[in-house]
C-alpha atoms as a PDB file:
ATOM      1  CA  UNK A   1       0.000   0.000   0.000  1.00  0.00           C
ATOM      2  CA  UNK A   2       1.369   3.388  -0.957  1.00  0.00           C
ATOM      3  CA  UNK A   3       1.148   6.315   1.457  1.00  0.00           C
ATOM      4  CA  UNK A   4      -1.773   8.671   0.860  1.00  0.00           C
ATOM      5  CA  UNK A   5      -2.598  12.158   2.201  1.00  0.00           C
ATOM      6  CA  UNK A   6      -5.549  10.703   4.160  1.00  0.00           C
ATOM      7  CA  UNK A   7      -3.196   8.593   6.299  1.00  0.00           C
ATOM      8  CA  UNK A   8      -1.904   9.835   9.629  1.00  0.00           C
ATOM      9  CA  UNK A   9       1.908   9.978  10.039  1.00  0.00           C
ATOM     10  CA  UNK A  10       2.087   6.567  11.732  1.00  0.00           C
ATOM     11  CA  UNK A  11       0.066   4.914   8.996  1.00  0.00           C
ATOM     12  CA  UNK A  12       2.250   6.516   6.319  1.00  0.00           C
ATOM     13  CA  UNK A  13       5.415   5.262   8.021  1.00  0.00           C
ATOM     14  CA  UNK A  14       4.088   1.717   8.401  1.00  0.00           C
ATOM     15  CA  UNK A  15       2.793   1.600   4.832  1.00  0.00           C
ATOM     16  CA  UNK A  16       6.346   2.150   3.583  1.00  0.00           C
ATOM     17  CA  UNK A  17       7.233  -1.226   5.065  1.00  0.00           C
ATOM     18  CA  UNK A  18       4.259  -3.077   3.609  1.00  0.00           C
ATOM     19  CA  UNK A  19       2.088  -2.896   6.726  1.00  0.00           C
ATOM     20  CA  UNK A  20      -1.606  -2.428   6.161  1.00  0.00           C
ATOM     21  CA  UNK A  21      -4.630  -1.966   8.418  1.00  0.00           C
ATOM     22  CA  UNK A  22      -6.395  -5.131   9.454  1.00  0.00           C
ATOM     23  CA  UNK A  23      -9.867  -5.790  10.738  1.00  0.00           C
ATOM     24  CA  UNK A  24     -10.087  -6.841  14.388  1.00  0.00           C
ATOM     25  CA  UNK A  25     -10.108 -10.622  14.814  1.00  0.00           C
ATOM     26  CA  UNK A  26     -13.499 -12.255  15.249  1.00  0.00           C
ATOM     27  CA  UNK A  27     -12.223 -15.382  17.003  1.00  0.00           C
ATOM     28  CA  UNK A  28      -8.933 -14.743  18.805  1.00  0.00           C
ATOM     29  CA  UNK A  29      -7.404 -17.436  21.018  1.00  0.00           C
ATOM     30  CA  UNK A  30      -4.929 -16.740  23.826  1.00  0.00           C
ATOM     31  CA  UNK A  31      -2.849 -19.558  25.271  1.00  0.00           C
ATOM     32  CA  UNK A  32      -1.722 -19.023  28.856  1.00  0.00           C
ATOM     33  CA  UNK A  33       1.123 -20.861  30.558  1.00  0.00           C
ATOM     34  CA  UNK A  34       0.114 -20.466  34.216  1.00  0.00           C
ATOM     35  CA  UNK A  35       3.541 -21.539  35.466  1.00  0.00           C
ATOM     36  CA  UNK A  36       5.587 -19.132  33.398  1.00  0.00           C
ATOM     37  CA  UNK A  37       7.284 -16.349  35.307  1.00  0.00           C
ATOM     38  CA  UNK A  38       6.564 -18.051  38.619  1.00  0.00           C
ATOM     39  CA  UNK A  39       2.820 -17.781  37.957  1.00  0.00           C
ATOM     40  CA  UNK A  40       2.760 -14.150  36.798  1.00  0.00           C
ATOM     41  CA  UNK A  41      -0.044 -14.668  34.231  1.00  0.00           C
ATOM     42  CA  UNK A  42      -2.192 -16.587  36.701  1.00  0.00           C
ATOM     43  CA  UNK A  43      -1.742 -13.986  39.451  1.00  0.00           C
ATOM     44  CA  UNK A  44      -2.691 -11.220  37.031  1.00  0.00           C
ATOM     45  CA  UNK A  45      -5.914 -13.035  36.106  1.00  0.00           C
ATOM     46  CA  UNK A  46      -4.938 -12.884  32.454  1.00  0.00           C
ATOM     47  CA  UNK A  47      -7.236 -15.698  31.291  1.00  0.00           C
ATOM     48  CA  UNK A  48     -10.218 -14.142  33.048  1.00  0.00           C
ATOM     49  CA  UNK A  49      -9.454 -10.713  31.586  1.00  0.00           C
ATOM     50  CA  UNK A  50      -9.190 -12.204  28.108  1.00  0.00           C
ATOM     51  CA  UNK A  51     -12.545 -13.966  28.489  1.00  0.00           C
ATOM     52  CA  UNK A  52     -14.140 -10.690  29.587  1.00  0.00           C
ATOM     53  CA  UNK A  53     -13.059  -9.296  26.202  1.00  0.00           C
ATOM     54  CA  UNK A  54     -14.522 -12.329  24.388  1.00  0.00           C
ATOM     55  CA  UNK A  55     -11.114 -13.846  23.716  1.00  0.00           C
ATOM     56  CA  UNK A  56     -10.961 -17.614  24.085  1.00  0.00           C
ATOM     57  CA  UNK A  57      -8.375 -18.377  26.756  1.00  0.00           C
ATOM     58  CA  UNK A  58      -6.717 -21.787  26.888  1.00  0.00           C
ATOM     59  CA  UNK A  59      -4.863 -22.459  30.131  1.00  0.00           C
ATOM     60  CA  UNK A  60      -2.104 -24.967  29.484  1.00  0.00           C
ATOM     61  CA  UNK A  61      -1.526 -28.006  31.649  1.00  0.00           C
ATOM     62  CA  UNK A  62       1.775 -29.866  32.006  1.00  0.00           C
ATOM     63  CA  UNK A  63       2.448 -32.275  29.180  1.00  0.00           C
ATOM     64  CA  UNK A  64       0.129 -30.694  26.621  1.00  0.00           C
ATOM     65  CA  UNK A  65       1.405 -30.292  23.059  1.00  0.00           C
ATOM     66  CA  UNK A  66       1.252 -26.525  22.488  1.00  0.00           C
ATOM     67  CA  UNK A  67       1.994 -26.795  18.777  1.00  0.00           C
ATOM     68  CA  UNK A  68      -0.905 -29.232  18.308  1.00  0.00           C
ATOM     69  CA  UNK A  69      -3.249 -27.072  20.400  1.00  0.00           C
ATOM     70  CA  UNK A  70      -2.405 -23.951  18.393  1.00  0.00           C
ATOM     71  CA  UNK A  71      -2.907 -25.781  15.095  1.00  0.00           C
ATOM     72  CA  UNK A  72      -6.236 -27.185  16.335  1.00  0.00           C
ATOM     73  CA  UNK A  73      -7.357 -23.670  17.278  1.00  0.00           C
ATOM     74  CA  UNK A  74      -6.663 -22.462  13.730  1.00  0.00           C
ATOM     75  CA  UNK A  75      -8.513 -25.417  12.210  1.00  0.00           C
ATOM     76  CA  UNK A  76     -11.442 -24.607  14.522  1.00  0.00           C
ATOM     77  CA  UNK A  77     -11.562 -21.041  13.179  1.00  0.00           C
ATOM     78  CA  UNK A  78      -9.154 -18.933  15.233  1.00  0.00           C
ATOM     79  CA  UNK A  79      -8.213 -15.848  13.239  1.00  0.00           C
ATOM     80  CA  UNK A  80      -5.569 -14.575  15.679  1.00  0.00           C
ATOM     81  CA  UNK A  81      -3.353 -16.372  18.190  1.00  0.00           C
ATOM     82  CA  UNK A  82      -1.707 -15.098  21.335  1.00  0.00           C
ATOM     83  CA  UNK A  83       0.583 -16.591  23.935  1.00  0.00           C
ATOM     84  CA  UNK A  84       1.274 -15.556  27.513  1.00  0.00           C
ATOM     85  CA  UNK A  85       4.435 -17.337  28.505  1.00  0.00           C
ATOM     86  CA  UNK A  86       8.157 -17.552  28.115  1.00  0.00           C
ATOM     87  CA  UNK A  87      10.267 -17.399  24.988  1.00  0.00           C
ATOM     88  CA  UNK A  88       9.869 -21.068  24.088  1.00  0.00           C
ATOM     89  CA  UNK A  89       6.088 -21.114  24.157  1.00  0.00           C
ATOM     90  CA  UNK A  90       5.882 -17.708  22.459  1.00  0.00           C
ATOM     91  CA  UNK A  91       7.997 -19.054  19.598  1.00  0.00           C
ATOM     92  CA  UNK A  92       5.790 -22.132  19.134  1.00  0.00           C
ATOM     93  CA  UNK A  93       2.550 -20.170  18.846  1.00  0.00           C
ATOM     94  CA  UNK A  94       4.148 -17.422  16.735  1.00  0.00           C
ATOM     95  CA  UNK A  95       5.336 -20.068  14.266  1.00  0.00           C
ATOM     96  CA  UNK A  96       1.832 -21.529  13.944  1.00  0.00           C
ATOM     97  CA  UNK A  97       0.320 -18.066  13.424  1.00  0.00           C
ATOM     98  CA  UNK A  98       2.937 -17.211  10.795  1.00  0.00           C
ATOM     99  CA  UNK A  99       2.429 -20.521   9.004  1.00  0.00           C
ATOM    100  CA  UNK A 100      -1.286 -19.742   8.689  1.00  0.00           C
ATOM    101  CA  UNK A 101      -0.905 -16.033   7.895  1.00  0.00           C
ATOM    102  CA  UNK A 102      -2.828 -14.827  10.940  1.00  0.00           C
ATOM    103  CA  UNK A 103      -1.868 -12.233  13.560  1.00  0.00           C
ATOM    104  CA  UNK A 104       0.108 -13.178  16.660  1.00  0.00           C
ATOM    105  CA  UNK A 105       0.026 -11.368  19.999  1.00  0.00           C
ATOM    106  CA  UNK A 106       2.969 -11.724  22.371  1.00  0.00           C
ATOM    107  CA  UNK A 107       2.249 -11.422  26.106  1.00  0.00           C
ATOM    108  CA  UNK A 108       5.609 -11.892  27.841  1.00  0.00           C
ATOM    109  CA  UNK A 109       5.112 -13.660  31.166  1.00  0.00           C
ATOM    110  CA  UNK A 110       8.517 -14.740  32.281  1.00  0.00           C
ATOM    111  CA  UNK A 111      10.761 -13.898  35.195  1.00  0.00           C
ATOM    112  CA  UNK A 112      12.351 -10.481  34.903  1.00  0.00           C
ATOM    113  CA  UNK A 113      15.642 -11.927  36.099  1.00  0.00           C
ATOM    114  CA  UNK A 114      15.720 -14.187  33.051  1.00  0.00           C
ATOM    115  CA  UNK A 115      15.435 -11.179  30.735  1.00  0.00           C
ATOM    116  CA  UNK A 116      18.047  -9.196  32.597  1.00  0.00           C
ATOM    117  CA  UNK A 117      20.573 -11.986  32.554  1.00  0.00           C
ATOM    118  CA  UNK A 118      19.852 -12.839  28.920  1.00  0.00           C
ATOM    119  CA  UNK A 119      20.489  -9.258  27.784  1.00  0.00           C
ATOM    120  CA  UNK A 120      23.253  -8.508  30.265  1.00  0.00           C
ATOM    121  CA  UNK A 121      21.293  -5.874  32.171  1.00  0.00           C
ATOM    122  CA  UNK A 122      22.247  -5.088  35.729  1.00  0.00           C
ATOM    123  CA  UNK A 123      20.444  -3.311  38.516  1.00  0.00           C
ATOM    124  CA  UNK A 124      16.795  -3.494  39.473  1.00  0.00           C
ATOM    125  CA  UNK A 125      15.040  -1.903  36.495  1.00  0.00           C
END
């Protein structure tokens, strides 16, 4: 899409990179790893908040095949996928969304210390 005068500055900038507006999803699915980040997503009530916004929330249990669950959600009609969890689970769901050409939403829910050590940050921020 080429930039047009009717676009706001942000839209013009994004259009230069091939981004285009998209309709809101009609059947989004959010996967939640309740154990990620020492239970951060569970303590925040993320699944409940998602359901209040009419987003299907799938709370993962140990031993479940996340890749299979994400693929099943797409087959069942999901038009956007999200994941609340650590890097590994985020990557699995992002790959399924990309393979099916649907949007992916990343909700990081890992321990802050993991991020700091991974990126070499020090201090408490």
